[in-house]
Amino acid sequence: MQTTTLYVKEATSEGPIINLESILLSTDGVERAIIDVDDGEIKIDYSEDKLSPGQLVTLIEQYGLNVTK
């Protein structure tokens, strides 16, 4: 299992956080996602056999959220 840290600008209010958690936790290979509501930091534990950090970024951006590392 790998862990990656991303920042999502919109992940500081309840609506986007609920959406983001739903997106990530329904994705095959994502084991856990922890979101810090203060700064939009997201720590994602995932299976490196199924996903890459780039795929996680693409997945999140498909839903109109802005990702930085």
PDB file of N, CA and C in Angstrom:
ATOM      1  N   MET A   1       0.844  -1.163   0.000  1.00  0.00           N
ATOM      2  CA  MET A   1       0.000   0.000   0.000  1.00  0.00           C
ATOM      3  C   MET A   1       0.899   1.239   0.000  1.00  0.00           C
ATOM      4  N   GLN A   2       0.481   2.242  -0.749  1.00  0.00           N
ATOM      5  CA  GLN A   2       1.181   3.521  -0.850  1.00  0.00           C
ATOM      6  C   GLN A   2       0.313   4.613  -0.251  1.00  0.00           C
ATOM      7  N   THR A   3       0.948   5.700   0.125  1.00  0.00           N
ATOM      8  CA  THR A   3       0.229   6.882   0.593  1.00  0.00           C
ATOM      9  C   THR A   3       0.702   8.067  -0.229  1.00  0.00           C
ATOM     10  N   THR A   4      -0.245   8.870  -0.685  1.00  0.00           N
ATOM     11  CA  THR A   4       0.094  10.105  -1.378  1.00  0.00           C
ATOM     12  C   THR A   4      -0.671  11.248  -0.725  1.00  0.00           C
ATOM     13  N   THR A   5      -0.079  12.426  -0.777  1.00  0.00           N
ATOM     14  CA  THR A   5      -0.709  13.609  -0.211  1.00  0.00           C
ATOM     15  C   THR A   5      -0.987  14.598  -1.322  1.00  0.00           C
ATOM     16  N   LEU A   6      -2.224  15.031  -1.413  1.00  0.00           N
ATOM     17  CA  LEU A   6      -2.648  16.022  -2.400  1.00  0.00           C
ATOM     18  C   LEU A   6      -3.369  17.142  -1.664  1.00  0.00           C
ATOM     19  N   TYR A   7      -3.521  18.254  -2.344  1.00  0.00           N
ATOM     20  CA  TYR A   7      -4.287  19.366  -1.794  1.00  0.00           C
ATOM     21  C   TYR A   7      -5.393  19.720  -2.781  1.00  0.00           C
ATOM     22  N   VAL A   8      -6.603  19.836  -2.277  1.00  0.00           N
ATOM     23  CA  VAL A   8      -7.751  20.211  -3.094  1.00  0.00           C
ATOM     24  C   VAL A   8      -8.325  21.489  -2.506  1.00  0.00           C
ATOM     25  N   LYS A   9      -8.236  22.558  -3.299  1.00  0.00           N
ATOM     26  CA  LYS A   9      -8.639  23.880  -2.833  1.00  0.00           C
ATOM     27  C   LYS A   9     -10.067  23.889  -2.282  1.00  0.00           C
ATOM     28  N   GLU A  10     -10.954  23.177  -2.928  1.00  0.00           N
ATOM     29  CA  GLU A  10     -12.371  23.181  -2.558  1.00  0.00           C
ATOM     30  C   GLU A  10     -12.689  22.314  -1.335  1.00  0.00           C
ATOM     31  N   ALA A  11     -11.730  21.521  -0.874  1.00  0.00           N
ATOM     32  CA  ALA A  11     -11.994  20.558   0.208  1.00  0.00           C
ATOM     33  C   ALA A  11     -11.886  21.201   1.589  1.00  0.00           C
ATOM     34  N   THR A  12     -12.496  22.372   1.737  1.00  0.00           N
ATOM     35  CA  THR A  12     -12.502  23.037   3.038  1.00  0.00           C
ATOM     36  C   THR A  12     -13.927  23.318   3.508  1.00  0.00           C
ATOM     37  N   SER A  13     -14.911  22.845   2.743  1.00  0.00           N
ATOM     38  CA  SER A  13     -16.305  22.993   3.166  1.00  0.00           C
ATOM     39  C   SER A  13     -17.022  21.650   2.999  1.00  0.00           C
ATOM     40  N   GLU A  14     -18.124  21.502   3.672  1.00  0.00           N
ATOM     41  CA  GLU A  14     -18.778  20.204   3.807  1.00  0.00           C
ATOM     42  C   GLU A  14     -19.188  19.555   2.485  1.00  0.00           C
ATOM     43  N   GLY A  15     -19.829  20.305   1.581  1.00  0.00           N
ATOM     44  CA  GLY A  15     -20.305  19.724   0.327  1.00  0.00           C
ATOM     45  C   GLY A  15     -19.200  19.087  -0.498  1.00  0.00           C
ATOM     46  N   PRO A  16     -18.135  19.842  -0.827  1.00  0.00           N
ATOM     47  CA  PRO A  16     -17.047  19.246  -1.601  1.00  0.00           C
ATOM     48  C   PRO A  16     -16.347  18.102  -0.879  1.00  0.00           C
ATOM     49  N   ILE A  17     -16.249  18.173   0.441  1.00  0.00           N
ATOM     50  CA  ILE A  17     -15.597  17.103   1.193  1.00  0.00           C
ATOM     51  C   ILE A  17     -16.400  15.809   1.089  1.00  0.00           C
ATOM     52  N   ILE A  18     -17.698  15.898   1.232  1.00  0.00           N
ATOM     53  CA  ILE A  18     -18.547  14.702   1.111  1.00  0.00           C
ATOM     54  C   ILE A  18     -18.429  14.114  -0.292  1.00  0.00           C
ATOM     55  N   ASN A  19     -18.467  14.962  -1.314  1.00  0.00           N
ATOM     56  CA  ASN A  19     -18.304  14.497  -2.696  1.00  0.00           C
ATOM     57  C   ASN A  19     -16.960  13.810  -2.886  1.00  0.00           C
ATOM     58  N   LEU A  20     -15.908  14.444  -2.404  1.00  0.00           N
ATOM     59  CA  LEU A  20     -14.564  13.908  -2.579  1.00  0.00           C
ATOM     60  C   LEU A  20     -14.405  12.569  -1.872  1.00  0.00           C
ATOM     61  N   GLU A  21     -14.890  12.468  -0.658  1.00  0.00           N
ATOM     62  CA  GLU A  21     -14.823  11.186   0.057  1.00  0.00           C
ATOM     63  C   GLU A  21     -15.576  10.105  -0.697  1.00  0.00           C
ATOM     64  N   SER A  22     -16.742  10.432  -1.214  1.00  0.00           N
ATOM     65  CA  SER A  22     -17.537   9.468  -1.968  1.00  0.00           C
ATOM     66  C   SER A  22     -16.796   9.000  -3.217  1.00  0.00           C
ATOM     67  N   ILE A  23     -16.216   9.944  -3.939  1.00  0.00           N
ATOM     68  CA  ILE A  23     -15.461   9.620  -5.158  1.00  0.00           C
ATOM     69  C   ILE A  23     -14.302   8.687  -4.833  1.00  0.00           C
ATOM     70  N   LEU A  24     -13.512   9.073  -3.850  1.00  0.00           N
ATOM     71  CA  LEU A  24     -12.308   8.306  -3.533  1.00  0.00           C
ATOM     72  C   LEU A  24     -12.629   6.933  -2.970  1.00  0.00           C
ATOM     73  N   LEU A  25     -13.534   6.867  -2.017  1.00  0.00           N
ATOM     74  CA  LEU A  25     -13.799   5.598  -1.352  1.00  0.00           C
ATOM     75  C   LEU A  25     -14.566   4.610  -2.225  1.00  0.00           C
ATOM     76  N   SER A  26     -15.179   5.082  -3.304  1.00  0.00           N
ATOM     77  CA  SER A  26     -15.850   4.169  -4.222  1.00  0.00           C
ATOM     78  C   SER A  26     -14.916   3.711  -5.347  1.00  0.00           C
ATOM     79  N   THR A  27     -13.690   4.193  -5.340  1.00  0.00           N
ATOM     80  CA  THR A  27     -12.714   3.838  -6.365  1.00  0.00           C
ATOM     81  C   THR A  27     -11.963   2.578  -5.963  1.00  0.00           C
ATOM     82  N   ASP A  28     -11.956   1.598  -6.860  1.00  0.00           N
ATOM     83  CA  ASP A  28     -11.238   0.353  -6.612  1.00  0.00           C
ATOM     84  C   ASP A  28      -9.759   0.655  -6.410  1.00  0.00           C
ATOM     85  N   GLY A  29      -9.208   0.200  -5.300  1.00  0.00           N
ATOM     86  CA  GLY A  29      -7.798   0.412  -5.008  1.00  0.00           C
ATOM     87  C   GLY A  29      -7.554   1.448  -3.924  1.00  0.00           C
ATOM     88  N   VAL A  30      -8.525   2.299  -3.655  1.00  0.00           N
ATOM     89  CA  VAL A  30      -8.375   3.280  -2.579  1.00  0.00           C
ATOM     90  C   VAL A  30      -8.809   2.615  -1.276  1.00  0.00           C
ATOM     91  N   GLU A  31      -7.892   2.603  -0.321  1.00  0.00           N
ATOM     92  CA  GLU A  31      -8.168   1.980   0.970  1.00  0.00           C
ATOM     93  C   GLU A  31      -8.715   2.983   1.981  1.00  0.00           C
ATOM     94  N   ARG A  32      -8.157   4.212   1.968  1.00  0.00           N
ATOM     95  CA  ARG A  32      -8.548   5.202   2.964  1.00  0.00           C
ATOM     96  C   ARG A  32      -8.221   6.593   2.442  1.00  0.00           C
ATOM     97  N   ALA A  33      -9.045   7.555   2.807  1.00  0.00           N
ATOM     98  CA  ALA A  33      -8.801   8.962   2.450  1.00  0.00           C
ATOM     99  C   ALA A  33      -9.102   9.811   3.676  1.00  0.00           C
ATOM    100  N   ILE A  34      -8.114  10.592   4.092  1.00  0.00           N
ATOM    101  CA  ILE A  34      -8.265  11.475   5.245  1.00  0.00           C
ATOM    102  C   ILE A  34      -8.136  12.904   4.749  1.00  0.00           C
ATOM    103  N   ILE A  35      -9.141  13.726   5.036  1.00  0.00           N
ATOM    104  CA  ILE A  35      -9.177  15.099   4.542  1.00  0.00           C
ATOM    105  C   ILE A  35      -9.050  16.060   5.715  1.00  0.00           C
ATOM    106  N   ASP A  36      -8.088  16.976   5.618  1.00  0.00           N
ATOM    107  CA  ASP A  36      -7.914  18.036   6.608  1.00  0.00           C
ATOM    108  C   ASP A  36      -8.696  19.253   6.126  1.00  0.00           C
ATOM    109  N   VAL A  37      -9.777  19.567   6.815  1.00  0.00           N
ATOM    110  CA  VAL A  37     -10.668  20.636   6.368  1.00  0.00           C
ATOM    111  C   VAL A  37     -10.047  22.020   6.496  1.00  0.00           C
ATOM    112  N   ASP A  38      -8.983  22.161   7.273  1.00  0.00           N
ATOM    113  CA  ASP A  38      -8.359  23.474   7.446  1.00  0.00           C
ATOM    114  C   ASP A  38      -7.648  23.946   6.187  1.00  0.00           C
ATOM    115  N   ASP A  39      -6.969  23.028   5.515  1.00  0.00           N
ATOM    116  CA  ASP A  39      -6.187  23.450   4.348  1.00  0.00           C
ATOM    117  C   ASP A  39      -6.441  22.617   3.092  1.00  0.00           C
ATOM    118  N   GLY A  40      -7.381  21.673   3.127  1.00  0.00           N
ATOM    119  CA  GLY A  40      -7.696  20.868   1.951  1.00  0.00           C
ATOM    120  C   GLY A  40      -6.695  19.763   1.677  1.00  0.00           C
ATOM    121  N   GLU A  41      -5.863  19.449   2.659  1.00  0.00           N
ATOM    122  CA  GLU A  41      -4.885  18.370   2.495  1.00  0.00           C
ATOM    123  C   GLU A  41      -5.594  17.027   2.544  1.00  0.00           C
ATOM    124  N   ILE A  42      -5.237  16.149   1.618  1.00  0.00           N
ATOM    125  CA  ILE A  42      -5.835  14.816   1.560  1.00  0.00           C
ATOM    126  C   ILE A  42      -4.716  13.791   1.565  1.00  0.00           C
ATOM    127  N   LYS A  43      -4.774  12.862   2.491  1.00  0.00           N
ATOM    128  CA  LYS A  43      -3.850  11.731   2.503  1.00  0.00           C
ATOM    129  C   LYS A  43      -4.639  10.527   2.030  1.00  0.00           C
ATOM    130  N   ILE A  44      -4.149   9.911   0.972  1.00  0.00           N
ATOM    131  CA  ILE A  44      -4.851   8.789   0.360  1.00  0.00           C
ATOM    132  C   ILE A  44      -3.972   7.553   0.438  1.00  0.00           C
ATOM    133  N   ASP A  45      -4.485   6.498   1.065  1.00  0.00           N
ATOM    134  CA  ASP A  45      -3.830   5.192   1.068  1.00  0.00           C
ATOM    135  C   ASP A  45      -4.451   4.382  -0.060  1.00  0.00           C
ATOM    136  N   TYR A  46      -3.602   3.847  -0.929  1.00  0.00           N
ATOM    137  CA  TYR A  46      -4.115   3.145  -2.103  1.00  0.00           C
ATOM    138  C   TYR A  46      -3.190   2.004  -2.493  1.00  0.00           C
ATOM    139  N   SER A  47      -3.716   1.095  -3.291  1.00  0.00           N
ATOM    140  CA  SER A  47      -2.952  -0.033  -3.813  1.00  0.00           C
ATOM    141  C   SER A  47      -2.199   0.417  -5.059  1.00  0.00           C
ATOM    142  N   GLU A  48      -0.871   0.350  -4.978  1.00  0.00           N
ATOM    143  CA  GLU A  48      -0.072   0.755  -6.133  1.00  0.00           C
ATOM    144  C   GLU A  48      -0.204  -0.200  -7.312  1.00  0.00           C
ATOM    145  N   ASP A  49      -0.791  -1.382  -7.064  1.00  0.00           N
ATOM    146  CA  ASP A  49      -1.054  -2.325  -8.148  1.00  0.00           C
ATOM    147  C   ASP A  49      -2.244  -1.891  -9.002  1.00  0.00           C
ATOM    148  N   LYS A  50      -3.115  -1.058  -8.426  1.00  0.00           N
ATOM    149  CA  LYS A  50      -4.338  -0.665  -9.131  1.00  0.00           C
ATOM    150  C   LYS A  50      -4.350   0.797  -9.557  1.00  0.00           C
ATOM    151  N   LEU A  51      -3.617   1.654  -8.848  1.00  0.00           N
ATOM    152  CA  LEU A  51      -3.658   3.094  -9.111  1.00  0.00           C
ATOM    153  C   LEU A  51      -2.274   3.709  -9.004  1.00  0.00           C
ATOM    154  N   SER A  52      -2.110   4.844  -9.654  1.00  0.00           N
ATOM    155  CA  SER A  52      -0.899   5.643  -9.510  1.00  0.00           C
ATOM    156  C   SER A  52      -1.316   7.017  -8.986  1.00  0.00           C
ATOM    157  N   PRO A  53      -0.374   7.792  -8.454  1.00  0.00           N
ATOM    158  CA  PRO A  53      -0.729   9.144  -8.016  1.00  0.00           C
ATOM    159  C   PRO A  53      -1.341   9.979  -9.145  1.00  0.00           C
ATOM    160  N   GLY A  54      -0.842   9.818 -10.350  1.00  0.00           N
ATOM    161  CA  GLY A  54      -1.390  10.545 -11.498  1.00  0.00           C
ATOM    162  C   GLY A  54      -2.831  10.175 -11.780  1.00  0.00           C
ATOM    163  N   GLN A  55      -3.164   8.920 -11.624  1.00  0.00           N
ATOM    164  CA  GLN A  55      -4.545   8.484 -11.827  1.00  0.00           C
ATOM    165  C   GLN A  55      -5.465   9.061 -10.761  1.00  0.00           C
ATOM    166  N   LEU A  56      -4.976   9.184  -9.533  1.00  0.00           N
ATOM    167  CA  LEU A  56      -5.770   9.789  -8.465  1.00  0.00           C
ATOM    168  C   LEU A  56      -6.055  11.253  -8.771  1.00  0.00           C
ATOM    169  N   VAL A  57      -5.039  11.971  -9.239  1.00  0.00           N
ATOM    170  CA  VAL A  57      -5.216  13.379  -9.600  1.00  0.00           C
ATOM    171  C   VAL A  57      -6.241  13.507 -10.722  1.00  0.00           C
ATOM    172  N   THR A  58      -6.101  12.695 -11.759  1.00  0.00           N
ATOM    173  CA  THR A  58      -7.029  12.735 -12.891  1.00  0.00           C
ATOM    174  C   THR A  58      -8.452  12.438 -12.438  1.00  0.00           C
ATOM    175  N   LEU A  59      -8.605  11.439 -11.584  1.00  0.00           N
ATOM    176  CA  LEU A  59      -9.923  11.078 -11.061  1.00  0.00           C
ATOM    177  C   LEU A  59     -10.573  12.264 -10.353  1.00  0.00           C
ATOM    178  N   ILE A  60      -9.841  12.915  -9.482  1.00  0.00           N
ATOM    179  CA  ILE A  60     -10.384  14.049  -8.726  1.00  0.00           C
ATOM    180  C   ILE A  60     -10.697  15.217  -9.654  1.00  0.00           C
ATOM    181  N   GLU A  61      -9.816  15.494 -10.591  1.00  0.00           N
ATOM    182  CA  GLU A  61     -10.016  16.629 -11.509  1.00  0.00           C
ATOM    183  C   GLU A  61     -11.199  16.405 -12.450  1.00  0.00           C
ATOM    184  N   GLN A  62     -11.540  15.150 -12.743  1.00  0.00           N
ATOM    185  CA  GLN A  62     -12.704  14.854 -13.585  1.00  0.00           C
ATOM    186  C   GLN A  62     -13.992  15.386 -12.976  1.00  0.00           C
ATOM    187  N   TYR A  63     -13.990  15.563 -11.674  1.00  0.00           N
ATOM    188  CA  TYR A  63     -15.167  16.060 -10.975  1.00  0.00           C
ATOM    189  C   TYR A  63     -15.104  17.569 -10.729  1.00  0.00           C
ATOM    190  N   GLY A  64     -14.184  18.252 -11.431  1.00  0.00           N
ATOM    191  CA  GLY A  64     -14.121  19.698 -11.373  1.00  0.00           C
ATOM    192  C   GLY A  64     -13.418  20.263 -10.160  1.00  0.00           C
ATOM    193  N   LEU A  65     -12.645  19.436  -9.466  1.00  0.00           N
ATOM    194  CA  LEU A  65     -11.912  19.917  -8.307  1.00  0.00           C
ATOM    195  C   LEU A  65     -10.459  20.205  -8.715  1.00  0.00           C
ATOM    196  N   ASN A  66      -9.852  21.178  -8.069  1.00  0.00           N
ATOM    197  CA  ASN A  66      -8.494  21.604  -8.389  1.00  0.00           C
ATOM    198  C   ASN A  66      -7.499  20.965  -7.441  1.00  0.00           C
ATOM    199  N   VAL A  67      -6.554  20.186  -8.010  1.00  0.00           N
ATOM    200  CA  VAL A  67      -5.581  19.435  -7.226  1.00  0.00           C
ATOM    201  C   VAL A  67      -4.202  20.067  -7.363  1.00  0.00           C
ATOM    202  N   THR A  68      -3.505  20.162  -6.226  1.00  0.00           N
ATOM    203  CA  THR A  68      -2.077  20.517  -6.224  1.00  0.00           C
ATOM    204  C   THR A  68      -1.367  19.495  -5.347  1.00  0.00           C
ATOM    205  N   LYS A  69      -0.066  19.437  -5.517  1.00  0.00           N
ATOM    206  CA  LYS A  69       0.723  18.483  -4.709  1.00  0.00           C
ATOM    207  C   LYS A  69       1.481  19.226  -3.647  1.00  0.00           C
TER     208      LYS A  69
END
